[in-house]
């Protein structure tokens, strides 16, 4: 994984963390806890991808099927020059 892909992963992780924090601060909402659960799963998947890219784990990341398009989107963005680097 190159620097652009890593930057995309970190940016997405930051966005997930910000949204999770906003959900925590919300007073009410029917789907609040469901969305927080989804964000937790997405955060774990992103952290697993980052750890794998850094060589910190030999395991394949356990990415739920619903989040599989995330990796494809990152590869597409990098391939088409849409990735932002830090």
C-alpha atoms as a PDB file:
ATOM      1  CA  UNK A   1       0.000   0.000   0.000  1.00  0.00           C
ATOM      2  CA  UNK A   2       1.443   3.336  -1.004  1.00  0.00           C
ATOM      3  CA  UNK A   3       1.309   6.670   0.800  1.00  0.00           C
ATOM      4  CA  UNK A   4      -1.801   7.864  -1.060  1.00  0.00           C
ATOM      5  CA  UNK A   5      -3.779   4.788  -0.090  1.00  0.00           C
ATOM      6  CA  UNK A   6      -2.641   5.126   3.519  1.00  0.00           C
ATOM      7  CA  UNK A   7      -3.680   8.788   3.517  1.00  0.00           C
ATOM      8  CA  UNK A   8      -7.132   7.831   2.243  1.00  0.00           C
ATOM      9  CA  UNK A   9      -7.507   5.220   4.975  1.00  0.00           C
ATOM     10  CA  UNK A  10      -6.475   7.693   7.655  1.00  0.00           C
ATOM     11  CA  UNK A  11      -8.812  10.362   6.279  1.00  0.00           C
ATOM     12  CA  UNK A  12     -11.724   7.921   6.244  1.00  0.00           C
ATOM     13  CA  UNK A  13     -10.879   6.812   9.798  1.00  0.00           C
ATOM     14  CA  UNK A  14     -10.891  10.438  10.932  1.00  0.00           C
ATOM     15  CA  UNK A  15     -14.294  11.012   9.312  1.00  0.00           C
ATOM     16  CA  UNK A  16     -15.702   7.893  10.997  1.00  0.00           C
ATOM     17  CA  UNK A  17     -14.355   9.045  14.373  1.00  0.00           C
ATOM     18  CA  UNK A  18     -15.890  12.500  13.929  1.00  0.00           C
ATOM     19  CA  UNK A  19     -19.278  11.051  12.998  1.00  0.00           C
ATOM     20  CA  UNK A  20     -19.148   8.630  15.945  1.00  0.00           C
ATOM     21  CA  UNK A  21     -18.405  11.508  18.324  1.00  0.00           C
ATOM     22  CA  UNK A  22     -21.354  13.447  16.908  1.00  0.00           C
ATOM     23  CA  UNK A  23     -23.604  10.428  17.460  1.00  0.00           C
ATOM     24  CA  UNK A  24     -22.438  10.170  21.074  1.00  0.00           C
ATOM     25  CA  UNK A  25     -23.359  13.828  21.688  1.00  0.00           C
ATOM     26  CA  UNK A  26     -26.831  13.494  20.159  1.00  0.00           C
ATOM     27  CA  UNK A  27     -29.618  13.502  22.717  1.00  0.00           C
ATOM     28  CA  UNK A  28     -32.109  11.377  20.836  1.00  0.00           C
ATOM     29  CA  UNK A  29     -32.628   9.548  17.628  1.00  0.00           C
ATOM     30  CA  UNK A  30     -34.117   6.237  16.640  1.00  0.00           C
ATOM     31  CA  UNK A  31     -31.184   4.998  14.583  1.00  0.00           C
ATOM     32  CA  UNK A  32     -28.487   6.481  16.793  1.00  0.00           C
ATOM     33  CA  UNK A  33     -27.305   3.260  18.419  1.00  0.00           C
ATOM     34  CA  UNK A  34     -27.571   1.272  15.211  1.00  0.00           C
ATOM     35  CA  UNK A  35     -25.430   3.848  13.391  1.00  0.00           C
ATOM     36  CA  UNK A  36     -22.907   3.844  16.232  1.00  0.00           C
ATOM     37  CA  UNK A  37     -22.601   0.069  15.855  1.00  0.00           C
ATOM     38  CA  UNK A  38     -22.034   0.418  12.111  1.00  0.00           C
ATOM     39  CA  UNK A  39     -19.378   3.061  12.713  1.00  0.00           C
ATOM     40  CA  UNK A  40     -17.604   0.826  15.252  1.00  0.00           C
ATOM     41  CA  UNK A  41     -17.426  -1.999  12.695  1.00  0.00           C
ATOM     42  CA  UNK A  42     -16.167   0.366   9.998  1.00  0.00           C
ATOM     43  CA  UNK A  43     -13.549   1.785  12.385  1.00  0.00           C
ATOM     44  CA  UNK A  44     -12.273  -1.690  13.231  1.00  0.00           C
ATOM     45  CA  UNK A  45     -12.018  -2.577   9.541  1.00  0.00           C
ATOM     46  CA  UNK A  46     -10.110   0.626   8.750  1.00  0.00           C
ATOM     47  CA  UNK A  47      -7.738   0.084  11.658  1.00  0.00           C
ATOM     48  CA  UNK A  48      -7.129  -3.500  10.498  1.00  0.00           C
ATOM     49  CA  UNK A  49      -6.286  -2.295   6.980  1.00  0.00           C
ATOM     50  CA  UNK A  50      -3.901   0.329   8.373  1.00  0.00           C
ATOM     51  CA  UNK A  51      -2.219  -2.228  10.649  1.00  0.00           C
ATOM     52  CA  UNK A  52      -1.839  -4.660   7.766  1.00  0.00           C
ATOM     53  CA  UNK A  53      -0.328  -1.964   5.553  1.00  0.00           C
ATOM     54  CA  UNK A  54       2.148  -1.022   8.260  1.00  0.00           C
ATOM     55  CA  UNK A  55       3.158  -4.659   8.665  1.00  0.00           C
ATOM     56  CA  UNK A  56       1.931  -4.821  12.240  1.00  0.00           C
ATOM     57  CA  UNK A  57      -0.120  -7.949  11.675  1.00  0.00           C
ATOM     58  CA  UNK A  58       0.187 -11.061   9.599  1.00  0.00           C
ATOM     59  CA  UNK A  59      -3.521 -11.748   9.706  1.00  0.00           C
ATOM     60  CA  UNK A  60      -5.802 -10.739   6.891  1.00  0.00           C
ATOM     61  CA  UNK A  61      -8.115  -7.989   8.065  1.00  0.00           C
ATOM     62  CA  UNK A  62     -11.652  -9.103   8.810  1.00  0.00           C
ATOM     63  CA  UNK A  63     -13.669  -6.713   6.698  1.00  0.00           C
ATOM     64  CA  UNK A  64     -17.427  -7.204   6.812  1.00  0.00           C
ATOM     65  CA  UNK A  65     -19.003  -7.765   3.376  1.00  0.00           C
ATOM     66  CA  UNK A  66     -20.822  -4.432   3.595  1.00  0.00           C
ATOM     67  CA  UNK A  67     -17.476  -2.607   3.775  1.00  0.00           C
ATOM     68  CA  UNK A  68     -15.688  -4.494   0.985  1.00  0.00           C
ATOM     69  CA  UNK A  69     -16.378  -1.645  -1.482  1.00  0.00           C
ATOM     70  CA  UNK A  70     -14.216   0.605   0.723  1.00  0.00           C
ATOM     71  CA  UNK A  71     -11.011  -1.063  -0.437  1.00  0.00           C
ATOM     72  CA  UNK A  72     -12.162  -0.922  -4.074  1.00  0.00           C
ATOM     73  CA  UNK A  73     -12.988   2.776  -3.705  1.00  0.00           C
ATOM     74  CA  UNK A  74      -9.525   3.499  -2.345  1.00  0.00           C
ATOM     75  CA  UNK A  75      -7.875   1.664  -5.227  1.00  0.00           C
ATOM     76  CA  UNK A  76     -10.078   3.517  -7.727  1.00  0.00           C
ATOM     77  CA  UNK A  77      -9.298   6.916  -6.192  1.00  0.00           C
ATOM     78  CA  UNK A  78      -5.569   6.259  -6.226  1.00  0.00           C
ATOM     79  CA  UNK A  79      -5.695   4.901  -9.766  1.00  0.00           C
ATOM     80  CA  UNK A  80      -7.528   7.947 -11.076  1.00  0.00           C
ATOM     81  CA  UNK A  81      -5.483  10.562  -9.228  1.00  0.00           C
ATOM     82  CA  UNK A  82      -8.293  11.435  -6.848  1.00  0.00           C
ATOM     83  CA  UNK A  83      -6.373  10.543  -3.695  1.00  0.00           C
ATOM     84  CA  UNK A  84      -5.187  13.270  -1.408  1.00  0.00           C
ATOM     85  CA  UNK A  85      -1.826  12.841   0.210  1.00  0.00           C
ATOM     86  CA  UNK A  86      -0.835  14.324   3.541  1.00  0.00           C
END
